PDB file of all heavy atoms in Angstrom:
ATOM      1  N   LYS A   1      52.201  67.482 123.917  1.00  0.00           N
ATOM      2  CA  LYS A   1      52.394  66.561 122.738  1.00  0.00           C
ATOM      3  C   LYS A   1      52.618  67.423 121.398  1.00  0.00           C
ATOM      4  O   LYS A   1      53.381  67.173 120.572  1.00  0.00           O
ATOM      5  CB  LYS A   1      51.249  65.629 122.517  1.00  0.00           C
ATOM      6  CG  LYS A   1      50.988  64.674 123.715  1.00  0.00           C
ATOM      7  CD  LYS A   1      52.254  63.718 123.846  1.00  0.00           C
ATOM      8  CE  LYS A   1      52.039  62.631 124.989  1.00  0.00           C
ATOM      9  NZ  LYS A   1      53.143  61.793 125.245  1.00  0.00           N
ATOM     10  N   ALA A   2      51.748  68.544 121.283  1.00  0.00           N
ATOM     11  CA  ALA A   2      51.790  69.289 120.056  1.00  0.00           C
ATOM     12  C   ALA A   2      53.163  69.985 119.994  1.00  0.00           C
ATOM     13  O   ALA A   2      53.758  70.165 118.954  1.00  0.00           O
ATOM     14  CB  ALA A   2      50.672  70.332 119.949  1.00  0.00           C
ATOM     15  N   GLN A   3      53.597  70.448 121.145  1.00  0.00           N
ATOM     16  CA  GLN A   3      54.878  71.229 121.057  1.00  0.00           C
ATOM     17  C   GLN A   3      56.059  70.338 120.908  1.00  0.00           C
ATOM     18  O   GLN A   3      56.930  70.607 120.173  1.00  0.00           O
ATOM     19  CB  GLN A   3      54.968  71.929 122.454  1.00  0.00           C
ATOM     20  CG  GLN A   3      56.347  72.866 122.495  1.00  0.00           C
ATOM     21  CD  GLN A   3      56.345  73.652 123.794  1.00  0.00           C
ATOM     22  OE1 GLN A   3      55.463  73.675 124.606  1.00  0.00           O
ATOM     23  NE2 GLN A   3      57.465  74.505 123.798  1.00  0.00           N
ATOM     24  N   ALA A   4      55.950  69.096 121.460  1.00  0.00           N
ATOM     25  CA  ALA A   4      56.876  68.062 121.175  1.00  0.00           C
ATOM     26  C   ALA A   4      57.054  67.791 119.716  1.00  0.00           C
ATOM     27  O   ALA A   4      58.020  67.609 119.104  1.00  0.00           O
ATOM     28  CB  ALA A   4      56.722  66.916 122.075  1.00  0.00           C
ATOM     29  N   ALA A   5      55.834  67.586 119.012  1.00  0.00           N
ATOM     30  CA  ALA A   5      55.693  67.290 117.658  1.00  0.00           C
ATOM     31  C   ALA A   5      56.438  68.419 116.775  1.00  0.00           C
ATOM     32  O   ALA A   5      57.258  68.071 115.855  1.00  0.00           O
ATOM     33  CB  ALA A   5      54.245  67.168 117.083  1.00  0.00           C
ATOM     34  N   SER A   6      56.158  69.592 117.081  1.00  0.00           N
ATOM     35  CA  SER A   6      56.876  70.750 116.415  1.00  0.00           C
ATOM     36  C   SER A   6      58.385  70.784 116.615  1.00  0.00           C
ATOM     37  O   SER A   6      59.161  71.122 115.740  1.00  0.00           O
ATOM     38  CB  SER A   6      56.252  72.056 116.771  1.00  0.00           C
ATOM     39  OG  SER A   6      56.468  72.375 118.105  1.00  0.00           O
ATOM     40  N   LEU A   7      58.820  70.420 117.843  1.00  0.00           N
ATOM     41  CA  LEU A   7      60.221  70.384 118.197  1.00  0.00           C
ATOM     42  C   LEU A   7      60.844  69.249 117.323  1.00  0.00           C
ATOM     43  O   LEU A   7      62.022  69.374 116.935  1.00  0.00           O
ATOM     44  CB  LEU A   7      60.417  70.166 119.623  1.00  0.00           C
ATOM     45  CG  LEU A   7      60.040  71.422 120.518  1.00  0.00           C
ATOM     46  CD1 LEU A   7      60.253  71.045 121.962  1.00  0.00           C
ATOM     47  CD2 LEU A   7      60.990  72.596 120.186  1.00  0.00           C
ATOM     48  N   ARG A   8      60.129  68.130 117.276  1.00  0.00           N
ATOM     49  CA  ARG A   8      60.715  66.958 116.543  1.00  0.00           C
ATOM     50  C   ARG A   8      61.005  67.339 115.133  1.00  0.00           C
ATOM     51  O   ARG A   8      61.934  66.730 114.468  1.00  0.00           O
ATOM     52  CB  ARG A   8      59.825  65.729 116.591  1.00  0.00           C
ATOM     53  CG  ARG A   8      59.940  64.982 117.892  1.00  0.00           C
ATOM     54  CD  ARG A   8      59.455  63.525 117.782  1.00  0.00           C
ATOM     55  NE  ARG A   8      59.725  62.731 119.024  1.00  0.00           N
ATOM     56  CZ  ARG A   8      58.915  62.825 120.045  1.00  0.00           C
ATOM     57  NH1 ARG A   8      57.811  63.464 120.043  1.00  0.00           N
ATOM     58  NH2 ARG A   8      59.131  62.084 121.182  1.00  0.00           N
ATOM     59  N   ALA A   9      60.245  68.136 114.623  1.00  0.00           N
ATOM     60  CA  ALA A   9      60.445  68.621 113.192  1.00  0.00           C
ATOM     61  C   ALA A   9      61.858  69.260 112.962  1.00  0.00           C
ATOM     62  O   ALA A   9      62.384  69.237 111.825  1.00  0.00           O
ATOM     63  CB  ALA A   9      59.243  69.620 112.756  1.00  0.00           C
ATOM     64  N   LEU A  10      62.385  69.847 114.030  1.00  0.00           N
ATOM     65  CA  LEU A  10      63.679  70.464 113.938  1.00  0.00           C
ATOM     66  C   LEU A  10      64.841  69.359 113.884  1.00  0.00           C
ATOM     67  O   LEU A  10      65.961  69.710 113.468  1.00  0.00           O
ATOM     68  CB  LEU A  10      63.925  71.305 115.250  1.00  0.00           C
ATOM     69  CG  LEU A  10      63.027  72.424 115.465  1.00  0.00           C
ATOM     70  CD1 LEU A  10      63.377  73.153 116.808  1.00  0.00           C
ATOM     71  CD2 LEU A  10      63.207  73.484 114.335  1.00  0.00           C
ATOM     72  N   GLN A  11      64.406  68.123 114.273  1.00  0.00           N
ATOM     73  CA  GLN A  11      65.461  67.104 114.288  1.00  0.00           C
ATOM     74  C   GLN A  11      65.625  66.365 113.046  1.00  0.00           C
ATOM     75  O   GLN A  11      66.183  65.320 112.950  1.00  0.00           O
ATOM     76  CB  GLN A  11      65.175  66.152 115.372  1.00  0.00           C
ATOM     77  CG  GLN A  11      65.176  66.757 116.805  1.00  0.00           C
ATOM     78  CD  GLN A  11      64.975  65.827 117.872  1.00  0.00           C
ATOM     79  OE1 GLN A  11      63.995  65.150 117.933  1.00  0.00           O
ATOM     80  NE2 GLN A  11      65.907  65.811 118.843  1.00  0.00           N
ATOM     81  N   THR A  12      64.977  66.923 111.950  1.00  0.00           N
ATOM     82  CA  THR A  12      65.161  66.259 110.689  1.00  0.00           C
ATOM     83  C   THR A  12      66.541  66.096 110.181  1.00  0.00           C
ATOM     84  O   THR A  12      67.316  67.180 110.271  1.00  0.00           O
ATOM     85  CB  THR A  12      64.379  67.036 109.556  1.00  0.00           C
ATOM     86  OG1 THR A  12      62.873  67.112 110.022  1.00  0.00           O
ATOM     87  CG2 THR A  12      64.460  66.271 108.154  1.00  0.00           C
ATOM     88  N   GLU A  13      67.037  65.022 109.791  1.00  0.00           N
ATOM     89  CA  GLU A  13      68.431  64.804 109.400  1.00  0.00           C
ATOM     90  C   GLU A  13      68.815  65.701 108.194  1.00  0.00           C
ATOM     91  O   GLU A  13      68.050  65.736 107.152  1.00  0.00           O
ATOM     92  CB  GLU A  13      68.568  63.316 109.121  1.00  0.00           C
ATOM     93  CG  GLU A  13      70.235  63.111 108.811  1.00  0.00           C
ATOM     94  CD  GLU A  13      70.425  61.581 108.563  1.00  0.00           C
ATOM     95  OE1 GLU A  13      70.009  60.808 109.374  1.00  0.00           O
ATOM     96  OE2 GLU A  13      71.091  61.212 107.639  1.00  0.00           O
ATOM     97  N   THR A  14      69.821  66.383 108.419  1.00  0.00           N
ATOM     98  CA  THR A  14      70.292  67.356 107.305  1.00  0.00           C
ATOM     99  C   THR A  14      71.723  67.001 107.069  1.00  0.00           C
ATOM    100  O   THR A  14      72.457  66.247 107.831  1.00  0.00           O
ATOM    101  CB  THR A  14      70.230  68.717 107.799  1.00  0.00           C
ATOM    102  OG1 THR A  14      71.053  68.997 108.925  1.00  0.00           O
ATOM    103  CG2 THR A  14      68.764  69.188 108.006  1.00  0.00           C
ATOM    104  N   THR A  15      72.325  67.618 106.082  1.00  0.00           N
ATOM    105  CA  THR A  15      73.739  67.493 105.689  1.00  0.00           C
ATOM    106  C   THR A  15      74.482  68.540 106.278  1.00  0.00           C
ATOM    107  O   THR A  15      74.089  69.723 106.219  1.00  0.00           O
ATOM    108  CB  THR A  15      73.909  67.430 104.076  1.00  0.00           C
ATOM    109  OG1 THR A  15      73.135  66.395 103.617  1.00  0.00           O
ATOM    110  CG2 THR A  15      75.305  67.263 103.793  1.00  0.00           C
ATOM    111  N   ALA A  16      75.601  68.212 106.959  1.00  0.00           N
ATOM    112  CA  ALA A  16      76.538  69.221 107.591  1.00  0.00           C
ATOM    113  C   ALA A  16      77.859  69.230 106.947  1.00  0.00           C
ATOM    114  O   ALA A  16      78.299  68.210 106.534  1.00  0.00           O
ATOM    115  CB  ALA A  16      76.579  68.782 109.092  1.00  0.00           C
ATOM    116  N   ASN A  17      78.289  70.453 106.868  1.00  0.00           N
ATOM    117  CA  ASN A  17      79.584  70.553 106.247  1.00  0.00           C
ATOM    118  C   ASN A  17      80.660  70.657 107.289  1.00  0.00           C
ATOM    119  O   ASN A  17      80.929  71.714 108.026  1.00  0.00           O
ATOM    120  CB  ASN A  17      79.633  71.922 105.519  1.00  0.00           C
ATOM    121  CG  ASN A  17      78.696  72.008 104.285  1.00  0.00           C
ATOM    122  OD1 ASN A  17      78.697  70.954 103.549  1.00  0.00           O
ATOM    123  ND2 ASN A  17      77.906  73.054 104.097  1.00  0.00           N
ATOM    124  N   ARG A  18      81.240  69.551 107.584  1.00  0.00           N
ATOM    125  CA  ARG A  18      82.185  69.328 108.652  1.00  0.00           C
ATOM    126  C   ARG A  18      83.580  69.594 108.239  1.00  0.00           C
ATOM    127  O   ARG A  18      84.042  69.151 107.194  1.00  0.00           O
ATOM    128  CB  ARG A  18      82.019  67.992 109.361  1.00  0.00           C
ATOM    129  CG  ARG A  18      82.978  67.778 110.503  1.00  0.00           C
ATOM    130  CD  ARG A  18      82.601  66.419 111.197  1.00  0.00           C
ATOM    131  NE  ARG A  18      82.912  65.201 110.337  1.00  0.00           N
ATOM    132  CZ  ARG A  18      82.706  63.960 110.702  1.00  0.00           C
ATOM    133  NH1 ARG A  18      82.090  63.752 111.854  1.00  0.00           N
ATOM    134  NH2 ARG A  18      82.855  63.038 109.755  1.00  0.00           N
ATOM    135  N   ARG A  19      84.358  70.284 109.109  1.00  0.00           N
ATOM    136  CA  ARG A  19      85.852  70.504 108.805  1.00  0.00           C
ATOM    137  C   ARG A  19      86.574  69.266 108.980  1.00  0.00           C
ATOM    138  O   ARG A  19      86.413  68.567 110.118  1.00  0.00           O
ATOM    139  CB  ARG A  19      86.262  71.688 109.594  1.00  0.00           C
ATOM    140  CG  ARG A  19      86.011  73.117 108.983  1.00  0.00           C
ATOM    141  CD  ARG A  19      86.651  74.158 109.818  1.00  0.00           C
ATOM    142  NE  ARG A  19      86.308  75.457 109.260  1.00  0.00           N
ATOM    143  CZ  ARG A  19      86.613  76.568 109.924  1.00  0.00           C
ATOM    144  NH1 ARG A  19      87.297  76.602 111.021  1.00  0.00           N
ATOM    145  NH2 ARG A  19      86.377  77.814 109.336  1.00  0.00           N
ATOM    146  N   THR A  20      87.502  68.961 108.192  1.00  0.00           N
ATOM    147  CA  THR A  20      88.331  67.832 108.404  1.00  0.00           C
ATOM    148  C   THR A  20      89.646  68.321 109.143  1.00  0.00           C
ATOM    149  O   THR A  20      90.015  69.588 109.045  1.00  0.00           O
ATOM    150  CB  THR A  20      88.761  67.258 107.031  1.00  0.00           C
ATOM    151  OG1 THR A  20      89.460  68.251 106.292  1.00  0.00           O
ATOM    152  CG2 THR A  20      87.597  66.751 106.310  1.00  0.00           C
ATOM    153  N   PRO A  21      90.360  67.456 109.594  1.00  0.00           N
ATOM    154  CA  PRO A  21      91.614  67.852 110.403  1.00  0.00           C
ATOM    155  C   PRO A  21      92.605  68.570 109.448  1.00  0.00           C
ATOM    156  O   PRO A  21      93.402  69.475 109.864  1.00  0.00           O
ATOM    157  CB  PRO A  21      92.243  66.541 110.813  1.00  0.00           C
ATOM    158  CG  PRO A  21      91.084  65.639 110.899  1.00  0.00           C
ATOM    159  CD  PRO A  21      90.090  66.033 109.938  1.00  0.00           C
ATOM    160  N   GLY A  22      92.508  68.240 108.151  1.00  0.00           N
ATOM    161  CA  GLY A  22      93.461  69.018 107.314  1.00  0.00           C
ATOM    162  C   GLY A  22      92.907  70.457 106.761  1.00  0.00           C
ATOM    163  O   GLY A  22      93.561  71.034 105.969  1.00  0.00           O
ATOM    164  N   GLY A  23      91.804  70.785 107.265  1.00  0.00           N
ATOM    165  CA  GLY A  23      91.169  72.151 106.916  1.00  0.00           C
ATOM    166  C   GLY A  23      90.245  72.062 105.745  1.00  0.00           C
ATOM    167  O   GLY A  23      89.652  73.033 105.344  1.00  0.00           O
ATOM    168  N   GLY A  24      89.986  70.877 105.208  1.00  0.00           N
ATOM    169  CA  GLY A  24      88.897  70.738 104.178  1.00  0.00           C
ATOM    170  C   GLY A  24      87.507  70.656 104.704  1.00  0.00           C
ATOM    171  O   GLY A  24      87.234  70.750 105.922  1.00  0.00           O
ATOM    172  N   ILE A  25      86.627  70.430 103.763  1.00  0.00           N
ATOM    173  CA  ILE A  25      85.136  70.245 104.166  1.00  0.00           C
ATOM    174  C   ILE A  25      84.679  68.951 103.611  1.00  0.00           C
ATOM    175  O   ILE A  25      84.893  68.697 102.344  1.00  0.00           O
ATOM    176  CB  ILE A  25      84.346  71.488 103.537  1.00  0.00           C
ATOM    177  CG1 ILE A  25      84.794  72.899 104.091  1.00  0.00           C
ATOM    178  CG2 ILE A  25      82.861  71.275 103.922  1.00  0.00           C
ATOM    179  CD1 ILE A  25      84.531  73.026 105.598  1.00  0.00           C
ATOM    180  N   GLU A  26      83.944  68.257 104.434  1.00  0.00           N
ATOM    181  CA  GLU A  26      83.256  66.983 104.024  1.00  0.00           C
ATOM    182  C   GLU A  26      81.829  67.166 104.364  1.00  0.00           C
ATOM    183  O   GLU A  26      81.420  67.623 105.437  1.00  0.00           O
ATOM    184  CB  GLU A  26      83.933  65.879 104.585  1.00  0.00           C
ATOM    185  CG  GLU A  26      83.911  65.798 106.228  1.00  0.00           C
ATOM    186  CD  GLU A  26      84.529  64.565 106.746  1.00  0.00           C
ATOM    187  OE1 GLU A  26      84.869  63.617 106.013  1.00  0.00           O
ATOM    188  OE2 GLU A  26      84.617  64.445 108.035  1.00  0.00           O
ATOM    189  N   GLU A  27      80.935  66.534 103.599  1.00  0.00           N
ATOM    190  CA  GLU A  27      79.542  66.502 103.851  1.00  0.00           C
ATOM    191  C   GLU A  27      79.215  65.214 104.577  1.00  0.00           C
ATOM    192  O   GLU A  27      79.525  64.174 104.131  1.00  0.00           O
ATOM    193  CB  GLU A  27      78.743  66.557 102.481  1.00  0.00           C
ATOM    194  CG  GLU A  27      78.847  67.926 101.818  1.00  0.00           C
ATOM    195  CD  GLU A  27      77.826  68.018 100.678  1.00  0.00           C
ATOM    196  OE1 GLU A  27      77.151  66.943 100.380  1.00  0.00           O
ATOM    197  OE2 GLU A  27      77.715  69.077 100.076  1.00  0.00           O
ATOM    198  N   VAL A  28      78.535  65.410 105.741  1.00  0.00           N
ATOM    199  CA  VAL A  28      78.202  64.209 106.664  1.00  0.00           C
ATOM    200  C   VAL A  28      76.766  64.424 107.131  1.00  0.00           C
ATOM    201  O   VAL A  28      76.327  65.579 107.156  1.00  0.00           O
ATOM    202  CB  VAL A  28      79.178  64.045 107.754  1.00  0.00           C
ATOM    203  CG1 VAL A  28      80.494  63.859 107.335  1.00  0.00           C
ATOM    204  CG2 VAL A  28      79.113  65.261 108.632  1.00  0.00           C
ATOM    205  N   PRO A  29      76.134  63.312 107.452  1.00  0.00           N
ATOM    206  CA  PRO A  29      74.775  63.440 108.031  1.00  0.00           C
ATOM    207  C   PRO A  29      74.891  64.095 109.419  1.00  0.00           C
ATOM    208  O   PRO A  29      75.903  63.942 110.144  1.00  0.00           O
ATOM    209  CB  PRO A  29      74.269  62.072 108.185  1.00  0.00           C
ATOM    210  CG  PRO A  29      75.149  61.230 107.300  1.00  0.00           C
ATOM    211  CD  PRO A  29      76.471  61.839 107.271  1.00  0.00           C
ATOM    212  N   SER A  30      73.884  64.980 109.771  1.00  0.00           N
ATOM    213  CA  SER A  30      73.985  65.711 111.012  1.00  0.00           C
ATOM    214  C   SER A  30      73.960  64.750 112.075  1.00  0.00           C
ATOM    215  O   SER A  30      74.511  65.021 113.311  1.00  0.00           O
ATOM    216  CB  SER A  30      72.752  66.631 111.108  1.00  0.00           C
ATOM    217  OG  SER A  30      71.476  65.898 110.908  1.00  0.00           O
ATOM    218  N   THR A  31      73.426  63.480 112.032  1.00  0.00           N
ATOM    219  CA  THR A  31      73.249  62.539 113.117  1.00  0.00           C
ATOM    220  C   THR A  31      74.632  61.925 113.488  1.00  0.00           C
ATOM    221  O   THR A  31      74.804  61.306 114.454  1.00  0.00           O
ATOM    222  CB  THR A  31      72.389  61.439 112.815  1.00  0.00           C
ATOM    223  OG1 THR A  31      72.639  60.926 111.479  1.00  0.00           O
ATOM    224  CG2 THR A  31      70.894  61.974 112.673  1.00  0.00           C
ATOM    225  N   SER A  32      75.663  62.127 112.547  1.00  0.00           N
ATOM    226  CA  SER A  32      76.997  61.665 112.800  1.00  0.00           C
ATOM    227  C   SER A  32      77.883  62.581 113.513  1.00  0.00           C
ATOM    228  O   SER A  32      79.072  62.233 113.834  1.00  0.00           O
ATOM    229  CB  SER A  32      77.620  61.179 111.502  1.00  0.00           C
ATOM    230  OG  SER A  32      77.972  62.345 110.665  1.00  0.00           O
ATOM    231  N   LEU A  33      77.471  63.807 113.740  1.00  0.00           N
ATOM    232  CA  LEU A  33      78.249  64.816 114.418  1.00  0.00           C
ATOM    233  C   LEU A  33      78.488  64.404 115.910  1.00  0.00           C
ATOM    234  O   LEU A  33      77.506  63.969 116.638  1.00  0.00           O
ATOM    235  CB  LEU A  33      77.662  66.150 114.342  1.00  0.00           C
ATOM    236  CG  LEU A  33      77.579  66.635 112.958  1.00  0.00           C
ATOM    237  CD1 LEU A  33      76.782  68.040 112.899  1.00  0.00           C
ATOM    238  CD2 LEU A  33      78.876  66.915 112.277  1.00  0.00           C
ATOM    239  N   ARG A  34      79.630  64.730 116.349  1.00  0.00           N
ATOM    240  CA  ARG A  34      79.889  64.407 117.837  1.00  0.00           C
ATOM    241  C   ARG A  34      80.477  65.775 118.430  1.00  0.00           C
ATOM    242  O   ARG A  34      80.827  66.665 117.730  1.00  0.00           O
ATOM    243  CB  ARG A  34      81.011  63.326 117.984  1.00  0.00           C
ATOM    244  CG  ARG A  34      80.620  62.055 117.463  1.00  0.00           C
ATOM    245  CD  ARG A  34      79.546  61.421 118.407  1.00  0.00           C
ATOM    246  NE  ARG A  34      79.176  59.995 117.916  1.00  0.00           N
ATOM    247  CZ  ARG A  34      78.235  59.829 117.141  1.00  0.00           C
ATOM    248  NH1 ARG A  34      77.482  60.814 116.518  1.00  0.00           N
ATOM    249  NH2 ARG A  34      77.876  58.537 116.833  1.00  0.00           N
ATOM    250  N   SER A  35      80.502  65.788 119.751  1.00  0.00           N
ATOM    251  CA  SER A  35      80.908  67.034 120.413  1.00  0.00           C
ATOM    252  C   SER A  35      82.319  67.265 120.071  1.00  0.00           C
ATOM    253  O   SER A  35      83.203  66.309 120.070  1.00  0.00           O
ATOM    254  CB  SER A  35      80.812  66.750 122.022  1.00  0.00           C
ATOM    255  OG  SER A  35      81.246  67.771 122.708  1.00  0.00           O
ATOM    256  N   GLY A  36      82.645  68.537 119.737  1.00  0.00           N
ATOM    257  CA  GLY A  36      83.957  68.900 119.371  1.00  0.00           C
ATOM    258  C   GLY A  36      84.150  69.121 117.827  1.00  0.00           C
ATOM    259  O   GLY A  36      85.134  69.809 117.429  1.00  0.00           O
ATOM    260  N   ASP A  37      83.312  68.440 116.957  1.00  0.00           N
ATOM    261  CA  ASP A  37      83.272  68.628 115.558  1.00  0.00           C
ATOM    262  C   ASP A  37      83.038  70.251 115.256  1.00  0.00           C
ATOM    263  O   ASP A  37      82.256  70.838 116.034  1.00  0.00           O
ATOM    264  CB  ASP A  37      82.307  67.874 114.937  1.00  0.00           C
ATOM    265  CG  ASP A  37      82.538  66.365 114.965  1.00  0.00           C
ATOM    266  OD1 ASP A  37      83.779  65.996 115.248  1.00  0.00           O
ATOM    267  OD2 ASP A  37      81.779  65.482 114.631  1.00  0.00           O
TER     268      ASP A  37
END
């Protein structure tokens, strides 16, 4: 349980700088990222 609690701390939602198809950068929540982004 203690180890799981420390690992969950890593899952705090952060802002990610995702590349757009046009080559730009957009800020999105990390929870919205999908495989391939």
